[in-house]
C-alpha atoms as a PDB file:
ATOM      1  CA  MET A   1     -14.982  12.780   3.624  1.00  0.00           C
ATOM      2  CA  LEU A   2     -13.094  15.076   1.278  1.00  0.00           C
ATOM      3  CA  ARG A   3      -9.791  13.366   2.132  1.00  0.00           C
ATOM      4  CA  ARG A   4     -11.357   9.914   1.585  1.00  0.00           C
ATOM      5  CA  GLU A   5     -12.704  10.881  -1.814  1.00  0.00           C
ATOM      6  CA  ILE A   6      -9.463  12.373  -3.097  1.00  0.00           C
ATOM      7  CA  GLU A   7      -7.312   9.542  -1.710  1.00  0.00           C
ATOM      8  CA  GLU A   8      -9.672   6.958  -3.286  1.00  0.00           C
ATOM      9  CA  LYS A   9      -9.532   8.666  -6.716  1.00  0.00           C
ATOM     10  CA  TYR A  10      -5.736   9.027  -6.397  1.00  0.00           C
ATOM     11  CA  LEU A  11      -5.306   5.259  -5.769  1.00  0.00           C
ATOM     12  CA  LEU A  12      -7.612   4.486  -8.634  1.00  0.00           C
ATOM     13  CA  GLY A  13      -5.368   6.412 -10.993  1.00  0.00           C
ATOM     14  CA  TYR A  14      -7.313   9.636 -11.625  1.00  0.00           C
ATOM     15  CA  ASP A  15      -5.259  12.560 -12.970  1.00  0.00           C
ATOM     16  CA  VAL A  16      -7.655  15.484 -12.535  1.00  0.00           C
ATOM     17  CA  PHE A  17      -9.704  16.258  -9.406  1.00  0.00           C
ATOM     18  CA  GLU A  18     -12.219  19.099  -9.441  1.00  0.00           C
ATOM     19  CA  ILE A  19     -13.781  20.346  -6.214  1.00  0.00           C
ATOM     20  CA  ALA A  20     -16.747  22.570  -6.782  1.00  0.00           C
ATOM     21  CA  SER A  21     -19.253  24.359  -4.647  1.00  0.00           C
ATOM     22  CA  GLN A  22     -22.378  26.381  -5.176  1.00  0.00           C
ATOM     23  CA  GLN A  23     -21.161  28.832  -2.567  1.00  0.00           C
ATOM     24  CA  ALA A  24     -17.739  30.264  -1.937  1.00  0.00           C
ATOM     25  CA  ILE A  25     -15.403  27.574  -0.666  1.00  0.00           C
ATOM     26  CA  HIS A  26     -14.615  28.136   2.969  1.00  0.00           C
ATOM     27  CA  PRO A  27     -10.949  28.981   3.888  1.00  0.00           C
ATOM     28  CA  ASP A  28     -10.750  25.986   6.234  1.00  0.00           C
ATOM     29  CA  THR A  29     -11.820  23.695   3.417  1.00  0.00           C
ATOM     30  CA  ARG A  30      -9.145  25.215   1.159  1.00  0.00           C
ATOM     31  CA  GLU A  31      -6.504  24.544   3.829  1.00  0.00           C
ATOM     32  CA  THR A  32      -7.786  20.975   4.174  1.00  0.00           C
ATOM     33  CA  VAL A  33      -7.332  20.455   0.413  1.00  0.00           C
ATOM     34  CA  ARG A  34      -3.813  21.848   0.532  1.00  0.00           C
ATOM     35  CA  ARG A  35      -2.892  19.458   3.381  1.00  0.00           C
ATOM     36  CA  ILE A  36      -4.308  16.560   1.285  1.00  0.00           C
ATOM     37  CA  VAL A  37      -2.346  17.613  -1.795  1.00  0.00           C
ATOM     38  CA  ARG A  38       0.832  17.835   0.275  1.00  0.00           C
ATOM     39  CA  SER A  39       0.276  14.296   1.545  1.00  0.00           C
ATOM     40  CA  LEU A  40       0.055  12.720  -1.898  1.00  0.00           C
ATOM     41  CA  VAL A  41       3.013  12.533  -4.261  1.00  0.00           C
ATOM     42  CA  GLY A  42       2.568  14.305  -7.566  1.00  0.00           C
ATOM     43  CA  LEU A  43      -0.575  16.322  -6.773  1.00  0.00           C
ATOM     44  CA  GLU A  44      -0.640  20.051  -7.459  1.00  0.00           C
ATOM     45  CA  ILE A  45      -3.352  22.679  -7.403  1.00  0.00           C
ATOM     46  CA  VAL A  46      -3.394  23.969 -11.060  1.00  0.00           C
ATOM     47  CA  GLU A  47      -6.549  26.105 -10.868  1.00  0.00           C
ATOM     48  CA  GLU A  48      -8.460  27.916  -8.100  1.00  0.00           C
ATOM     49  CA  ASP A  49     -11.230  30.480  -7.797  1.00  0.00           C
ATOM     50  CA  THR A  50     -13.934  31.332  -5.350  1.00  0.00           C
ATOM     51  CA  LYS A  51     -16.119  28.214  -6.052  1.00  0.00           C
ATOM     52  CA  LYS A  52     -13.686  25.735  -7.533  1.00  0.00           C
ATOM     53  CA  ILE A  53     -10.344  24.036  -6.939  1.00  0.00           C
ATOM     54  CA  VAL A  54      -8.708  21.869  -9.596  1.00  0.00           C
ATOM     55  CA  ILE A  55      -6.054  19.463  -8.733  1.00  0.00           C
ATOM     56  CA  GLN A  56      -3.841  17.568 -11.202  1.00  0.00           C
ATOM     57  CA  CYS A  57      -1.520  14.587 -10.733  1.00  0.00           C
ATOM     58  CA  LEU A  58       1.697  15.422 -12.578  1.00  0.00           C
ATOM     59  CA  ILE A  59       3.528  12.062 -12.155  1.00  0.00           C
ATOM     60  CA  GLU A  60       3.925   9.604 -15.004  1.00  0.00           C
ATOM     61  CA  PRO A  61       3.416   6.026 -13.661  1.00  0.00           C
ATOM     62  CA  SER A  62       5.618   4.381 -16.328  1.00  0.00           C
ATOM     63  CA  LEU A  63       8.608   6.226 -14.986  1.00  0.00           C
ATOM     64  CA  LEU A  64       8.210   5.029 -11.380  1.00  0.00           C
ATOM     65  CA  PHE A  65       9.570   1.554 -10.795  1.00  0.00           C
ATOM     66  CA  PRO A  66       7.697  -0.168  -7.900  1.00  0.00           C
ATOM     67  CA  ASP A  67      10.825  -1.860  -6.547  1.00  0.00           C
ATOM     68  CA  LYS A  68      12.659   1.463  -6.224  1.00  0.00           C
ATOM     69  CA  ILE A  69       9.688   3.008  -4.348  1.00  0.00           C
ATOM     70  CA  LEU A  70       9.655  -0.084  -2.100  1.00  0.00           C
ATOM     71  CA  ARG A  71      13.286   0.106  -1.315  1.00  0.00           C
ATOM     72  CA  ARG A  72      12.920   3.759  -0.334  1.00  0.00           C
ATOM     73  CA  LEU A  73       9.889   2.909   1.792  1.00  0.00           C
ATOM     74  CA  HIS A  74      11.876   0.101   3.504  1.00  0.00           C
ATOM     75  CA  LEU A  75      14.897   2.329   4.285  1.00  0.00           C
ATOM     76  CA  ILE A  76      12.695   5.026   5.910  1.00  0.00           C
ATOM     77  CA  THR A  77      10.886   2.414   7.904  1.00  0.00           C
ATOM     78  CA  LEU A  78      14.091   0.786   9.202  1.00  0.00           C
ATOM     79  CA  SER A  79      15.396   4.110  10.374  1.00  0.00           C
ATOM     80  CA  MET A  80      12.073   4.904  11.986  1.00  0.00           C
ATOM     81  CA  GLU A  81      12.128   1.687  14.017  1.00  0.00           C
ATOM     82  CA  LYS A  82      15.736   2.195  15.088  1.00  0.00           C
ATOM     83  CA  ASP A  83      15.143   5.873  16.141  1.00  0.00           C
ATOM     84  CA  ALA A  84      11.768   4.990  17.815  1.00  0.00           C
ATOM     85  CA  ILE A  85      13.578   2.439  20.033  1.00  0.00           C
ATOM     86  CA  SER A  86      16.384   4.843  20.665  1.00  0.00           C
ATOM     87  CA  SER A  87      14.004   7.677  21.658  1.00  0.00           C
ATOM     88  CA  PHE A  88      12.091   5.311  23.968  1.00  0.00           C
ATOM     89  CA  VAL A  89      15.270   4.037  25.665  1.00  0.00           C
ATOM     90  CA  ARG A  90      16.604   7.572  26.160  1.00  0.00           C
ATOM     91  CA  GLY A  91      13.291   9.028  27.079  1.00  0.00           C
ATOM     92  CA  ASP A  92      13.698  11.665  24.454  1.00  0.00           C
ATOM     93  CA  SER A  93      10.229  12.825  23.494  1.00  0.00           C
ATOM     94  CA  LYS A  94      11.597  15.556  21.172  1.00  0.00           C
ATOM     95  CA  PHE A  95      13.528  12.997  19.084  1.00  0.00           C
ATOM     96  CA  ALA A  96      10.381  10.762  19.157  1.00  0.00           C
ATOM     97  CA  ARG A  97       8.351  13.443  17.508  1.00  0.00           C
ATOM     98  CA  ALA A  98      10.663  13.465  14.530  1.00  0.00           C
ATOM     99  CA  VAL A  99      10.105   9.717  14.172  1.00  0.00           C
ATOM    100  CA  VAL A 100       6.304  10.242  14.107  1.00  0.00           C
ATOM    101  CA  GLU A 101       6.686  12.921  11.406  1.00  0.00           C
ATOM    102  CA  ARG A 102       8.516  10.474   9.181  1.00  0.00           C
ATOM    103  CA  ASP A 103       5.488   8.259   9.178  1.00  0.00           C
ATOM    104  CA  GLU A 104       3.894  10.807   6.852  1.00  0.00           C
ATOM    105  CA  ASP A 105       6.715  10.158   4.290  1.00  0.00           C
ATOM    106  CA  VAL A 106       5.972   6.465   4.496  1.00  0.00           C
ATOM    107  CA  ASP A 107       2.281   7.010   3.926  1.00  0.00           C
ATOM    108  CA  ARG A 108       3.067   9.237   0.918  1.00  0.00           C
ATOM    109  CA  LEU A 109       5.280   6.546  -0.671  1.00  0.00           C
ATOM    110  CA  TYR A 110       2.851   3.778   0.178  1.00  0.00           C
ATOM    111  CA  PHE A 111       0.007   5.583  -1.604  1.00  0.00           C
ATOM    112  CA  LEU A 112       2.270   6.304  -4.559  1.00  0.00           C
ATOM    113  CA  LEU A 113       3.199   2.663  -4.863  1.00  0.00           C
ATOM    114  CA  VAL A 114      -0.392   1.487  -4.760  1.00  0.00           C
ATOM    115  CA  ARG A 115      -1.222   4.032  -7.556  1.00  0.00           C
ATOM    116  CA  VAL A 116       1.661   2.800  -9.715  1.00  0.00           C
ATOM    117  CA  VAL A 117       0.843  -0.871  -9.097  1.00  0.00           C
ATOM    118  CA  ARG A 118      -2.841  -0.358 -10.014  1.00  0.00           C
ATOM    119  CA  ALA A 119      -1.780   1.467 -13.185  1.00  0.00           C
ATOM    120  CA  ALA A 120       0.466  -1.411 -14.174  1.00  0.00           C
ATOM    121  CA  LEU A 121      -2.288  -3.918 -13.558  1.00  0.00           C
ATOM    122  CA  THR A 122      -4.886  -2.052 -15.646  1.00  0.00           C
ATOM    123  CA  ASP A 123      -2.567  -0.901 -18.503  1.00  0.00           C
ATOM    124  CA  PRO A 124      -0.333  -3.551 -20.137  1.00  0.00           C
ATOM    125  CA  ALA A 125       1.727  -0.830 -21.769  1.00  0.00           C
ATOM    126  CA  ILE A 126       2.689   0.636 -18.361  1.00  0.00           C
ATOM    127  CA  ALA A 127       3.444  -2.883 -17.097  1.00  0.00           C
ATOM    128  CA  GLU A 128       5.723  -3.524 -20.107  1.00  0.00           C
ATOM    129  CA  LYS A 129       7.618  -0.240 -19.534  1.00  0.00           C
ATOM    130  CA  LEU A 130       8.080  -1.063 -15.863  1.00  0.00           C
ATOM    131  CA  ALA A 131       9.181  -4.671 -16.801  1.00  0.00           C
ATOM    132  CA  THR A 132       6.745  -6.036 -14.202  1.00  0.00           C
ATOM    133  CA  SER A 133       4.113  -8.786 -14.177  1.00  0.00           C
ATOM    134  CA  ALA A 134       0.776  -9.086 -12.441  1.00  0.00           C
ATOM    135  CA  ILE A 135       2.287 -11.524  -9.885  1.00  0.00           C
ATOM    136  CA  GLU A 136       5.129  -9.082  -9.142  1.00  0.00           C
ATOM    137  CA  CYS A 137       2.620  -6.297  -8.760  1.00  0.00           C
ATOM    138  CA  LEU A 138       0.688  -8.329  -6.234  1.00  0.00           C
ATOM    139  CA  ASP A 139       3.933  -9.146  -4.310  1.00  0.00           C
ATOM    140  CA  HIS A 140       4.837  -5.410  -4.312  1.00  0.00           C
ATOM    141  CA  ARG A 141       1.417  -4.437  -2.970  1.00  0.00           C
ATOM    142  CA  ILE A 142       1.524  -7.065  -0.197  1.00  0.00           C
ATOM    143  CA  LEU A 143       5.085  -6.190   0.792  1.00  0.00           C
ATOM    144  CA  ALA A 144       4.340  -2.470   0.905  1.00  0.00           C
ATOM    145  CA  SER A 145       1.362  -3.120   3.132  1.00  0.00           C
ATOM    146  CA  PHE A 146       3.522  -5.037   5.618  1.00  0.00           C
ATOM    147  CA  VAL A 147       6.231  -2.434   5.579  1.00  0.00           C
ATOM    148  CA  GLU A 148       3.764   0.439   6.067  1.00  0.00           C
ATOM    149  CA  ASN A 149       2.144  -1.377   9.003  1.00  0.00           C
ATOM    150  CA  PHE A 150       5.640  -1.944  10.576  1.00  0.00           C
ATOM    151  CA  ALA A 151       6.259   1.842  10.200  1.00  0.00           C
ATOM    152  CA  ASP A 152       2.901   2.554  11.936  1.00  0.00           C
ATOM    153  CA  TYR A 153       3.939   0.461  14.932  1.00  0.00           C
ATOM    154  CA  ALA A 154       7.351   2.189  15.000  1.00  0.00           C
ATOM    155  CA  ALA A 155       5.466   5.574  15.155  1.00  0.00           C
ATOM    156  CA  GLU A 156       3.312   4.150  17.923  1.00  0.00           C
ATOM    157  CA  ILE A 157       6.405   3.327  20.001  1.00  0.00           C
ATOM    158  CA  ALA A 158       7.726   6.846  19.469  1.00  0.00           C
ATOM    159  CA  GLU A 159       4.329   8.315  20.452  1.00  0.00           C
ATOM    160  CA  ASN A 160       4.574   6.512  23.779  1.00  0.00           C
ATOM    161  CA  THR A 161       8.024   7.779  24.679  1.00  0.00           C
ATOM    162  CA  TRP A 162       8.028   9.722  27.915  1.00  0.00           C
ATOM    163  CA  THR A 163      10.692  11.739  29.679  1.00  0.00           C
ATOM    164  CA  ARG A 164      11.706   9.649  32.724  1.00  0.00           C
ATOM    165  CA  ALA A 165      13.289  10.785  35.929  1.00  0.00           C
ATOM    166  CA  LYS A 166      16.633   9.263  36.791  1.00  0.00           C
ATOM    167  CA  GLY A 167      16.386   6.018  38.547  1.00  0.00           C
ATOM    168  CA  LYS A 168      16.932   2.255  38.148  1.00  0.00           C
ATOM    169  CA  ASP A 169      13.285   0.998  38.749  1.00  0.00           C
ATOM    170  CA  MET A 170      12.723   0.460  34.966  1.00  0.00           C
ATOM    171  CA  ASP A 171      16.261  -0.228  33.795  1.00  0.00           C
ATOM    172  CA  SER A 172      15.779  -3.925  33.206  1.00  0.00           C
ATOM    173  CA  THR A 173      12.523  -3.437  31.208  1.00  0.00           C
ATOM    174  CA  ILE A 174      14.011  -0.643  29.104  1.00  0.00           C
ATOM    175  CA  ARG A 175      16.958  -2.915  28.277  1.00  0.00           C
ATOM    176  CA  SER A 176      14.669  -5.630  27.207  1.00  0.00           C
ATOM    177  CA  VAL A 177      12.727  -3.175  24.886  1.00  0.00           C
ATOM    178  CA  GLU A 178      16.019  -2.059  23.419  1.00  0.00           C
ATOM    179  CA  LYS A 179      17.205  -5.638  22.848  1.00  0.00           C
ATOM    180  CA  ALA A 180      13.881  -6.579  21.214  1.00  0.00           C
ATOM    181  CA  GLY A 181      14.003  -3.492  19.048  1.00  0.00           C
ATOM    182  CA  ASN A 182      17.518  -4.302  17.789  1.00  0.00           C
ATOM    183  CA  ILE A 183      16.478  -7.924  16.941  1.00  0.00           C
ATOM    184  CA  LEU A 184      13.409  -6.679  15.158  1.00  0.00           C
ATOM    185  CA  ASN A 185      15.357  -4.150  13.076  1.00  0.00           C
ATOM    186  CA  ARG A 186      17.705  -6.839  11.908  1.00  0.00           C
ATOM    187  CA  MET A 187      14.815  -9.284  11.339  1.00  0.00           C
ATOM    188  CA  HIS A 188      12.911  -6.708   9.231  1.00  0.00           C
ATOM    189  CA  LYS A 189      16.022  -5.837   7.171  1.00  0.00           C
ATOM    190  CA  ASP A 190      16.690  -9.526   6.415  1.00  0.00           C
ATOM    191  CA  ALA A 191      13.065 -10.393   5.709  1.00  0.00           C
ATOM    192  CA  VAL A 192      12.503  -7.561   3.246  1.00  0.00           C
ATOM    193  CA  GLU A 193      15.895  -8.210   1.575  1.00  0.00           C
ATOM    194  CA  ALA A 194      14.895 -11.884   1.214  1.00  0.00           C
ATOM    195  CA  VAL A 195      11.785 -10.862  -0.711  1.00  0.00           C
ATOM    196  CA  PHE A 196      13.727  -8.478  -3.027  1.00  0.00           C
ATOM    197  CA  THR A 197      16.404 -11.125  -3.769  1.00  0.00           C
ATOM    198  CA  ARG A 198      14.294 -14.242  -3.408  1.00  0.00           C
ATOM    199  CA  ASN A 199      16.866 -15.569  -0.970  1.00  0.00           C
ATOM    200  CA  LEU A 200      15.305 -18.392   0.976  1.00  0.00           C
ATOM    201  CA  ALA A 201      18.330 -18.785   3.305  1.00  0.00           C
ATOM    202  CA  LEU A 202      17.955 -15.103   4.286  1.00  0.00           C
ATOM    203  CA  ALA A 203      14.216 -15.545   4.902  1.00  0.00           C
ATOM    204  CA  GLU A 204      14.995 -18.517   7.146  1.00  0.00           C
ATOM    205  CA  GLU A 205      17.548 -16.479   8.979  1.00  0.00           C
ATOM    206  CA  ALA A 206      15.032 -13.732   9.616  1.00  0.00           C
ATOM    207  CA  THR A 207      12.419 -16.206  10.854  1.00  0.00           C
ATOM    208  CA  SER A 208      15.026 -17.898  13.224  1.00  0.00           C
ATOM    209  CA  LEU A 209      15.270 -14.496  15.076  1.00  0.00           C
ATOM    210  CA  TYR A 210      11.619 -14.666  16.037  1.00  0.00           C
ATOM    211  CA  ARG A 211      12.244 -16.675  19.177  1.00  0.00           C
ATOM    212  CA  ASP A 212      14.979 -14.262  20.383  1.00  0.00           C
ATOM    213  CA  ALA A 213      12.691 -11.403  19.841  1.00  0.00           C
ATOM    214  CA  GLU A 214       9.899 -13.117  21.672  1.00  0.00           C
ATOM    215  CA  THR A 215      12.113 -13.812  24.725  1.00  0.00           C
ATOM    216  CA  SER A 216      13.044 -10.189  25.054  1.00  0.00           C
ATOM    217  CA  ILE A 217       9.495  -9.006  24.513  1.00  0.00           C
ATOM    218  CA  LYS A 218       8.230 -11.327  27.242  1.00  0.00           C
ATOM    219  CA  THR A 219      10.947  -9.969  29.614  1.00  0.00           C
ATOM    220  CA  ALA A 220       9.785  -6.457  28.887  1.00  0.00           C
ATOM    221  CA  GLU A 221       6.140  -7.535  29.399  1.00  0.00           C
ATOM    222  CA  ARG A 222       6.971  -8.813  32.857  1.00  0.00           C
ATOM    223  CA  GLY A 223       8.154  -5.352  33.699  1.00  0.00           C
ATOM    224  CA  LEU A 224       4.580  -4.129  33.534  1.00  0.00           C
ATOM    225  CA  VAL A 225       4.029  -5.481  37.013  1.00  0.00           C
ATOM    226  CA  ASN A 226       6.472  -2.920  38.467  1.00  0.00           C
ATOM    227  CA  ALA A 227       5.528  -0.106  36.245  1.00  0.00           C
ATOM    228  CA  LYS A 228       4.101   3.080  37.798  1.00  0.00           C
ATOM    229  CA  PRO A 229       0.457   3.828  37.110  1.00  0.00           C
ATOM    230  CA  GLU A 230       1.333   6.861  34.958  1.00  0.00           C
ATOM    231  CA  THR A 231       3.561   4.776  32.659  1.00  0.00           C
ATOM    232  CA  ILE A 232       1.979   1.356  32.529  1.00  0.00           C
ATOM    233  CA  ASP A 233      -0.347   2.191  29.624  1.00  0.00           C
ATOM    234  CA  ARG A 234       2.534   3.564  27.503  1.00  0.00           C
ATOM    235  CA  LEU A 235       4.743   0.555  28.267  1.00  0.00           C
ATOM    236  CA  ALA A 236       1.903  -1.807  27.499  1.00  0.00           C
ATOM    237  CA  THR A 237       1.362  -0.121  24.084  1.00  0.00           C
ATOM    238  CA  VAL A 238       5.064  -0.472  23.352  1.00  0.00           C
ATOM    239  CA  VAL A 239       5.125  -4.136  24.236  1.00  0.00           C
ATOM    240  CA  SER A 240       2.038  -4.751  22.114  1.00  0.00           C
ATOM    241  CA  ALA A 241       3.658  -2.913  19.144  1.00  0.00           C
ATOM    242  CA  LEU A 242       6.834  -4.972  19.433  1.00  0.00           C
ATOM    243  CA  LYS A 243       4.755  -8.213  19.312  1.00  0.00           C
ATOM    244  CA  ALA A 244       2.886  -6.935  16.228  1.00  0.00           C
ATOM    245  CA  MET A 245       6.161  -6.030  14.493  1.00  0.00           C
ATOM    246  CA  SER A 246       7.647  -9.451  15.210  1.00  0.00           C
ATOM    247  CA  GLU A 247       4.627 -11.110  13.548  1.00  0.00           C
ATOM    248  CA  ILE A 248       4.879  -8.770  10.534  1.00  0.00           C
ATOM    249  CA  ASN A 249       8.470  -9.778  10.012  1.00  0.00           C
ATOM    250  CA  VAL A 250       7.538 -13.415   9.974  1.00  0.00           C
ATOM    251  CA  ASP A 251       4.816 -12.721   7.419  1.00  0.00           C
ATOM    252  CA  ILE A 252       7.342 -10.833   5.208  1.00  0.00           C
ATOM    253  CA  ALA A 253       9.763 -13.742   5.402  1.00  0.00           C
ATOM    254  CA  ASP A 254       6.986 -16.119   4.399  1.00  0.00           C
ATOM    255  CA  LEU A 255       6.316 -13.905   1.358  1.00  0.00           C
ATOM    256  CA  ALA A 256       9.836 -14.578   0.151  1.00  0.00           C
ATOM    257  CA  VAL A 257       9.171 -18.349   0.280  1.00  0.00           C
ATOM    258  CA  THR A 258       6.038 -18.078  -1.806  1.00  0.00           C
ATOM    259  CA  ARG A 259       7.647 -15.986  -4.624  1.00  0.00           C
END
């Protein structure tokens, strides 16, 4: 509940957050607050005593350009997807954990972008400094949501990586996952760039890869029949994530067409 309250106020543009209690604040609660502060860009604890914690947001929205935040968000997400597929193919669970940890960076940037966009929409002076319009803010918000969801699915693939014993029983399925992952990475890169540059040809090129991705995903899905009981759930989750990521890429490409 505490996390939800702070995140909500952060997104709404609040600058000062005061957490107060009639009794001494429990150490576990203090640690929870610190974790929340670390997860949101610009927040710092500026005052603290037995019964009170004061948090302040130190960022200036008019200095943070939404398109730059989006590009950073996009680059992290691209690398996450690439590394998630690599960790799955190699069966490297240690490498996979590093991918999952990067999802926190994506979440931090996503929340920051939402805060900046809301500030621009509610304050014309900020919008003017950022040289952005209400329509562009809406596009940034929608694109960020798509990219953040794509990153979540990449993390899901990484979370379902398992260390496999040597053998050829799953080789064909793993290769299909790798091929689908490579197509989706290129598709995502082209679709997002199409939105940034308003390049309809690039958007069409990204959409044209959908069928290739679908073919590889279906091949991987057929591998579920031969999967061992202990791995079938993991593989099914990965296939489901690949399908969702493919649909997200099409939605992003469609966003370029409507701009």
